[in-house]
N, C-alpha and C. Protein backbone atom coordinates (compact mmCIF):
# COMPACT_ATOMS: atom_id res chain seq x y z
N MET A 1 60.01 60.28 -64.84
CA MET A 1 59.18 58.93 -64.53
C MET A 1 59.25 57.85 -64.88
N GLU A 2 59.82 57.33 -64.60
CA GLU A 2 59.81 55.82 -65.18
C GLU A 2 58.54 54.80 -65.36
N SER A 3 57.63 54.06 -66.02
CA SER A 3 56.26 53.63 -66.20
C SER A 3 57.10 52.52 -66.74
N GLU A 4 55.32 51.94 -65.97
CA GLU A 4 55.39 49.72 -65.95
C GLU A 4 56.34 49.28 -66.86
N ALA A 5 55.80 49.78 -68.08
CA ALA A 5 56.64 48.86 -69.27
C ALA A 5 58.14 49.83 -69.46
N ASP A 6 58.52 50.71 -69.08
CA ASP A 6 60.11 50.57 -68.62
C ASP A 6 60.73 50.03 -68.18
N ARG A 7 59.57 49.70 -67.61
CA ARG A 7 60.32 48.92 -65.39
C ARG A 7 60.69 47.51 -66.43
N ASP A 8 59.33 46.56 -67.39
CA ASP A 8 59.06 45.97 -67.50
C ASP A 8 60.37 45.95 -68.40
N LEU A 9 60.49 46.47 -69.67
CA LEU A 9 61.41 46.24 -70.15
C LEU A 9 63.10 46.15 -69.95
N ALA A 10 63.27 46.30 -68.65
CA ALA A 10 64.55 46.48 -67.80
C ALA A 10 64.72 45.51 -67.61
N ILE A 11 63.82 44.33 -67.16
CA ILE A 11 63.61 42.81 -66.85
C ILE A 11 63.66 42.22 -67.75
N LEU A 12 63.16 42.33 -68.92
CA LEU A 12 63.71 41.78 -70.48
C LEU A 12 64.96 41.45 -70.34
N GLN A 13 65.64 42.27 -70.26
CA GLN A 13 66.90 42.09 -70.55
C GLN A 13 67.56 41.34 -71.01
N GLY A 14 68.64 40.34 -71.50
CA GLY A 14 69.14 39.24 -71.60
C GLY A 14 68.47 37.88 -72.19
N GLN A 15 68.89 37.21 -71.75
CA GLN A 15 68.33 35.44 -71.90
C GLN A 15 67.78 35.22 -70.98
N TRP A 16 66.55 33.93 -72.37
CA TRP A 16 65.23 33.64 -71.50
C TRP A 16 65.48 31.83 -72.35
N LYS A 17 65.67 30.91 -71.51
CA LYS A 17 65.22 29.22 -71.62
C LYS A 17 63.74 29.48 -71.44
N GLN A 18 63.52 28.34 -72.45
CA GLN A 18 62.36 28.46 -73.00
C GLN A 18 62.05 27.15 -72.31
N ILE A 19 61.17 27.29 -71.33
CA ILE A 19 60.62 25.72 -70.44
C ILE A 19 59.54 25.15 -70.72
N GLY A 20 58.67 25.82 -71.08
CA GLY A 20 57.34 25.05 -71.40
C GLY A 20 56.81 26.67 -73.06
N PHE A 21 55.94 25.32 -73.45
CA PHE A 21 55.32 25.55 -74.75
C PHE A 21 53.56 24.83 -74.54
N GLU A 22 52.56 25.71 -74.72
CA GLU A 22 51.60 25.35 -75.16
C GLU A 22 50.68 25.52 -76.29
N GLU A 23 50.25 24.98 -77.23
CA GLU A 23 49.72 25.36 -78.21
C GLU A 23 47.91 24.26 -78.40
N ASN A 24 46.92 24.58 -78.77
CA ASN A 24 45.66 23.73 -79.40
C ASN A 24 45.23 23.76 -77.59
N GLY A 25 45.83 23.97 -76.73
CA GLY A 25 45.18 22.82 -75.65
C GLY A 25 46.44 21.82 -75.27
N LEU A 26 47.56 21.81 -75.72
CA LEU A 26 47.82 20.42 -75.31
C LEU A 26 49.54 21.43 -75.51
N ASP A 27 50.37 20.71 -74.19
CA ASP A 27 51.86 20.69 -74.11
C ASP A 27 51.99 20.55 -75.08
N ALA A 28 52.72 21.50 -75.82
CA ALA A 28 53.99 20.74 -76.89
C ALA A 28 55.21 20.78 -77.77
N LEU A 29 55.78 21.29 -76.44
CA LEU A 29 57.16 21.64 -75.68
C LEU A 29 58.19 21.34 -77.54
N THR A 30 57.88 19.91 -77.80
CA THR A 30 58.83 19.47 -78.66
C THR A 30 58.59 19.71 -80.46
N SER A 31 56.96 20.85 -80.17
CA SER A 31 56.84 20.95 -81.95
C SER A 31 57.70 22.49 -82.64
N GLU A 32 57.00 22.16 -83.49
CA GLU A 32 57.95 23.25 -84.11
C GLU A 32 57.98 24.97 -83.84
N HIS A 33 57.02 25.34 -82.64
CA HIS A 33 56.94 26.40 -82.41
C HIS A 33 57.63 26.10 -81.08
N GLY A 34 57.29 25.24 -80.67
CA GLY A 34 57.65 24.68 -79.12
C GLY A 34 59.59 24.85 -78.59
N ALA A 35 60.44 24.00 -79.46
CA ALA A 35 62.10 24.59 -79.56
C ALA A 35 62.22 24.68 -78.19
N ALA A 36 62.49 23.50 -77.63
CA ALA A 36 62.74 22.32 -76.36
C ALA A 36 64.08 23.48 -75.75
N SER A 37 64.41 24.42 -74.67
CA SER A 37 65.01 24.90 -74.31
C SER A 37 66.37 25.76 -75.75
N ALA A 38 64.71 26.49 -76.03
CA ALA A 38 65.39 27.44 -77.26
C ALA A 38 65.81 28.66 -76.32
N ILE A 39 66.68 29.04 -76.53
CA ILE A 39 67.53 30.61 -75.84
C ILE A 39 66.93 31.94 -76.28
N THR A 40 65.95 32.73 -75.98
CA THR A 40 65.48 34.62 -76.61
C THR A 40 66.61 35.11 -76.13
N THR A 41 67.12 35.56 -76.58
CA THR A 41 67.99 37.24 -76.38
C THR A 41 67.32 38.45 -76.86
N ILE A 42 67.18 39.11 -75.60
CA ILE A 42 66.27 40.13 -75.86
C ILE A 42 67.46 41.96 -75.54
N ASN A 43 67.47 42.67 -76.43
CA ASN A 43 68.34 43.67 -76.58
C ASN A 43 67.43 45.09 -76.58
N GLY A 44 67.09 45.78 -75.90
CA GLY A 44 65.95 46.82 -76.29
C GLY A 44 64.79 46.40 -76.90
N CYS A 45 64.15 46.47 -77.73
CA CYS A 45 62.92 45.95 -78.59
C CYS A 45 63.20 45.23 -79.40
N GLN A 46 64.21 44.27 -79.25
CA GLN A 46 64.53 43.33 -80.40
C GLN A 46 64.60 41.94 -79.79
N PHE A 47 64.60 40.99 -80.93
CA PHE A 47 64.76 39.72 -79.97
C PHE A 47 65.20 39.19 -81.24
N SER A 48 65.56 38.17 -80.15
CA SER A 48 66.06 36.80 -81.26
C SER A 48 65.96 35.57 -80.57
N VAL A 49 65.95 34.25 -81.56
CA VAL A 49 65.32 32.93 -81.11
C VAL A 49 66.30 32.04 -81.19
N ARG A 50 67.06 31.64 -80.79
CA ARG A 50 68.28 30.80 -81.39
C ARG A 50 67.98 29.03 -80.35
N ALA A 51 67.72 27.92 -81.22
CA ALA A 51 67.88 26.43 -80.69
C ALA A 51 69.14 26.10 -79.86
N SER A 52 69.16 25.11 -78.93
CA SER A 52 70.64 24.53 -78.05
C SER A 52 71.38 24.75 -79.63
N ASP A 53 71.46 24.54 -80.38
CA ASP A 53 72.45 24.35 -81.42
C ASP A 53 72.71 25.71 -81.83
N GLY A 54 72.52 26.94 -81.85
CA GLY A 54 72.68 28.62 -82.00
C GLY A 54 72.40 28.49 -83.33
N GLU A 55 71.37 28.14 -84.01
CA GLU A 55 70.36 28.20 -85.24
C GLU A 55 69.34 29.16 -85.10
N LEU A 56 69.80 30.30 -85.56
CA LEU A 56 68.43 31.27 -85.46
C LEU A 56 67.13 31.09 -85.66
N LEU A 57 66.18 30.58 -84.74
CA LEU A 57 65.22 29.84 -85.71
C LEU A 57 63.73 31.25 -85.49
N LEU A 58 64.28 32.54 -85.26
CA LEU A 58 63.02 33.72 -85.22
C LEU A 58 64.13 35.55 -84.84
N ALA A 59 63.19 35.96 -85.14
CA ALA A 59 64.41 37.32 -84.46
C ALA A 59 62.91 38.74 -84.80
N GLY A 60 62.75 39.73 -84.44
CA GLY A 60 62.32 40.95 -84.75
C GLY A 60 62.13 41.46 -83.31
N THR A 61 60.90 42.25 -83.92
CA THR A 61 60.95 43.40 -82.58
C THR A 61 59.57 43.03 -81.92
N PHE A 62 59.86 43.85 -80.94
CA PHE A 62 58.04 44.24 -79.84
C PHE A 62 57.62 45.50 -79.38
N THR A 63 56.12 45.71 -78.73
CA THR A 63 56.13 46.76 -78.24
C THR A 63 55.39 46.31 -77.07
N LEU A 64 55.55 47.04 -75.86
CA LEU A 64 55.05 46.76 -74.34
C LEU A 64 53.84 47.37 -74.41
N ASP A 65 52.76 47.15 -73.59
CA ASP A 65 51.82 48.24 -72.91
C ASP A 65 51.48 47.42 -71.80
N ALA A 66 51.92 48.28 -70.57
CA ALA A 66 51.86 48.01 -69.48
C ALA A 66 51.08 47.93 -68.63
N SER A 67 49.94 49.40 -69.37
CA SER A 67 49.24 49.88 -68.15
C SER A 67 47.83 49.39 -68.73
N VAL A 68 47.09 48.43 -69.63
CA VAL A 68 46.21 47.08 -69.62
C VAL A 68 46.41 45.83 -68.89
N ARG A 69 44.99 45.57 -68.09
CA ARG A 69 45.21 44.02 -68.17
C ARG A 69 44.49 42.97 -68.48
N PRO A 70 45.47 42.15 -69.04
CA PRO A 70 46.66 41.82 -68.87
C PRO A 70 47.32 42.60 -69.35
N LYS A 71 48.95 42.63 -69.03
CA LYS A 71 49.45 43.52 -69.78
C LYS A 71 49.46 43.04 -71.39
N ALA A 72 50.06 43.48 -72.38
CA ALA A 72 50.15 43.25 -73.47
C ALA A 72 50.94 43.45 -74.21
N ILE A 73 51.90 43.10 -75.31
CA ILE A 73 53.12 43.13 -76.50
C ILE A 73 52.64 42.70 -77.05
N THR A 74 53.13 43.33 -78.28
CA THR A 74 52.98 42.71 -79.61
C THR A 74 54.21 42.55 -80.82
N TRP A 75 54.15 41.14 -80.29
CA TRP A 75 55.87 40.90 -81.85
C TRP A 75 54.91 41.26 -83.21
N MET A 76 56.55 41.03 -83.36
CA MET A 76 56.60 41.54 -85.12
C MET A 76 57.61 40.96 -85.38
N ASP A 77 57.83 39.69 -85.93
CA ASP A 77 59.06 38.76 -86.88
C ASP A 77 59.52 39.14 -88.00
N SER A 78 60.82 39.59 -87.63
CA SER A 78 61.37 39.95 -89.53
C SER A 78 61.61 38.70 -90.17
N ILE A 79 62.23 37.74 -89.50
CA ILE A 79 62.30 36.38 -90.48
C ILE A 79 61.14 35.20 -90.33
N GLY A 80 61.27 34.32 -91.19
CA GLY A 80 59.67 32.93 -90.72
C GLY A 80 58.59 33.54 -91.17
N ALA A 81 57.60 32.15 -90.76
CA ALA A 81 56.03 32.03 -91.50
C ALA A 81 55.85 33.95 -91.32
N ASP A 82 55.79 33.97 -89.86
CA ASP A 82 54.79 35.64 -89.85
C ASP A 82 55.42 36.60 -90.06
N ALA A 83 57.11 36.98 -90.42
CA ALA A 83 57.45 38.13 -90.99
C ALA A 83 56.81 38.82 -91.50
N GLY A 84 56.66 40.12 -90.88
CA GLY A 84 55.70 41.17 -90.78
C GLY A 84 54.77 41.38 -90.26
N LYS A 85 54.38 40.42 -90.13
CA LYS A 85 52.28 40.50 -89.03
C LYS A 85 52.81 41.08 -88.00
N ARG A 86 51.78 41.77 -87.77
CA ARG A 86 51.74 42.36 -86.05
C ARG A 86 51.25 41.07 -84.95
N LEU A 87 51.38 40.54 -84.22
CA LEU A 87 50.83 39.25 -83.21
C LEU A 87 50.83 40.07 -82.05
N PRO A 88 49.18 40.13 -81.99
CA PRO A 88 48.81 40.44 -80.60
C PRO A 88 49.16 39.58 -79.57
N ALA A 89 49.87 40.12 -78.41
CA ALA A 89 50.07 39.27 -76.73
C ALA A 89 49.62 39.83 -76.22
N SER A 90 49.55 38.82 -74.93
CA SER A 90 49.29 39.59 -73.12
C SER A 90 50.80 38.33 -72.47
N TYR A 91 51.33 39.26 -71.16
CA TYR A 91 52.44 38.83 -70.81
C TYR A 91 52.25 39.28 -69.86
N ALA A 92 53.19 38.04 -69.02
CA ALA A 92 52.80 38.06 -67.66
C ALA A 92 54.37 37.92 -67.12
N LEU A 93 55.39 38.92 -65.67
CA LEU A 93 56.60 39.05 -65.50
C LEU A 93 56.86 39.14 -64.31
N ASN A 94 58.55 38.86 -64.22
CA ASN A 94 58.59 38.91 -63.05
C ASN A 94 60.56 38.65 -63.09
N SER A 95 61.15 39.26 -62.23
CA SER A 95 62.91 39.31 -62.66
C SER A 95 62.57 37.77 -63.46
N ASP A 96 62.63 36.18 -62.74
CA ASP A 96 63.01 35.61 -63.61
C ASP A 96 61.84 34.53 -64.22
N HIS A 97 61.02 35.32 -64.65
CA HIS A 97 59.84 34.20 -65.04
C HIS A 97 59.05 35.14 -66.34
N PHE A 98 59.19 35.13 -67.24
CA PHE A 98 58.40 35.45 -68.44
C PHE A 98 57.19 34.55 -69.52
N VAL A 99 56.18 34.74 -69.16
CA VAL A 99 54.80 34.47 -69.93
C VAL A 99 54.16 35.33 -70.73
N PHE A 100 53.96 34.84 -71.91
CA PHE A 100 53.50 34.83 -72.91
C PHE A 100 52.41 34.35 -73.98
N ILE A 101 51.03 35.16 -74.57
CA ILE A 101 50.47 33.76 -74.98
C ILE A 101 49.95 34.98 -76.63
N ALA A 102 50.70 34.66 -77.10
CA ALA A 102 50.08 35.17 -78.99
C ALA A 102 49.10 34.49 -79.48
N ALA A 103 48.33 35.70 -80.40
CA ALA A 103 47.67 35.24 -81.28
C ALA A 103 47.89 35.45 -82.12
N ASP A 104 47.10 35.44 -83.91
CA ASP A 104 47.74 35.40 -85.36
C ASP A 104 47.38 37.12 -85.56
N GLU A 105 48.00 37.45 -86.48
CA GLU A 105 47.55 38.78 -86.68
C GLU A 105 46.70 39.15 -87.23
N GLY A 106 45.89 40.26 -86.82
CA GLY A 106 43.87 40.09 -86.94
C GLY A 106 42.73 39.89 -86.03
N ALA A 107 43.60 38.70 -85.42
CA ALA A 107 42.71 38.07 -83.46
C ALA A 107 42.97 39.03 -82.58
N SER A 108 41.68 38.56 -81.74
CA SER A 108 41.72 39.65 -80.56
C SER A 108 43.32 39.30 -80.05
N ARG A 109 43.34 40.19 -79.35
CA ARG A 109 44.78 40.02 -77.89
C ARG A 109 43.86 39.05 -76.92
N PRO A 110 45.19 37.62 -76.84
CA PRO A 110 44.97 37.37 -75.80
C PRO A 110 44.07 37.62 -74.22
N THR A 111 43.07 37.10 -73.90
CA THR A 111 43.38 37.30 -72.30
C THR A 111 43.99 36.47 -71.00
N GLU A 112 43.36 35.09 -71.46
CA GLU A 112 43.86 34.31 -70.96
C GLU A 112 45.02 33.60 -71.00
N PHE A 113 46.09 32.85 -69.84
CA PHE A 113 47.56 32.63 -69.84
C PHE A 113 47.33 31.10 -70.32
N ARG A 114 46.49 30.53 -71.51
CA ARG A 114 46.56 29.19 -71.12
C ARG A 114 45.06 28.73 -73.09
N THR A 115 45.58 27.99 -73.30
CA THR A 115 45.47 27.71 -74.84
C THR A 115 44.36 26.81 -74.98
N LYS A 116 42.90 27.28 -75.75
CA LYS A 116 42.23 25.92 -75.53
C LYS A 116 42.01 25.14 -76.87
N PRO A 117 41.55 24.23 -77.39
CA PRO A 117 42.01 23.43 -78.88
C PRO A 117 40.52 24.29 -79.72
N GLY A 118 41.16 24.33 -80.95
CA GLY A 118 40.35 24.99 -81.93
C GLY A 118 41.13 26.17 -82.09
N GLN A 119 41.85 27.09 -80.81
CA GLN A 119 42.72 28.31 -81.09
C GLN A 119 43.27 28.57 -81.32
N ILE A 120 43.83 29.77 -81.99
CA ILE A 120 45.04 29.77 -82.83
C ILE A 120 45.89 30.72 -81.91
N LEU A 121 46.41 29.97 -80.92
CA LEU A 121 46.91 30.82 -80.09
C LEU A 121 48.45 30.46 -79.26
N ARG A 122 49.24 29.97 -79.19
CA ARG A 122 50.47 29.98 -78.30
C ARG A 122 50.78 30.34 -77.53
N ARG A 123 51.55 29.37 -76.53
CA ARG A 123 51.47 30.01 -75.21
C ARG A 123 53.04 29.76 -74.56
N PHE A 124 54.42 30.65 -74.25
CA PHE A 124 55.58 30.25 -74.21
C PHE A 124 55.71 30.25 -72.37
N VAL A 125 56.76 29.63 -72.01
CA VAL A 125 57.44 30.70 -70.85
C VAL A 125 58.51 30.01 -70.70
N ARG A 126 59.36 30.99 -70.51
CA ARG A 126 60.81 31.38 -70.00
C ARG A 126 61.17 31.61 -69.31
N LYS A 127 62.57 31.09 -68.90
CA LYS A 127 63.02 31.57 -67.15
C LYS A 127 64.13 32.27 -67.42
N ARG A 128 64.71 32.91 -66.67
CA ARG A 128 66.66 32.55 -66.64
C ARG A 128 67.19 32.09 -66.56
């Protein structure tokens, strides 16, 4: 029997364009992490993020846990400032819209899909 995480993993496959980014309670799509129009490609449990000019910005792996609410995703970057760290996050997903909010390693997994001033959280919105 296919689990909810298996179904979500199947939906995630392919390319997603970044259309929103929030950090520290503010819309920050043009910040270093915001990467306006970046394309995330998901293949299995691996991901890569490329700028609109094709430059590789980020890559790594992830695991899903759809049995909790909100659903949980843990990112592990293989390059960049967070390489090797396990970043706890929560996600919401449908066939053409993917939102996740991530915290730094060692922090609690976020339970709301918004950031607040003073928090080290980042919310990403991606669309097919």
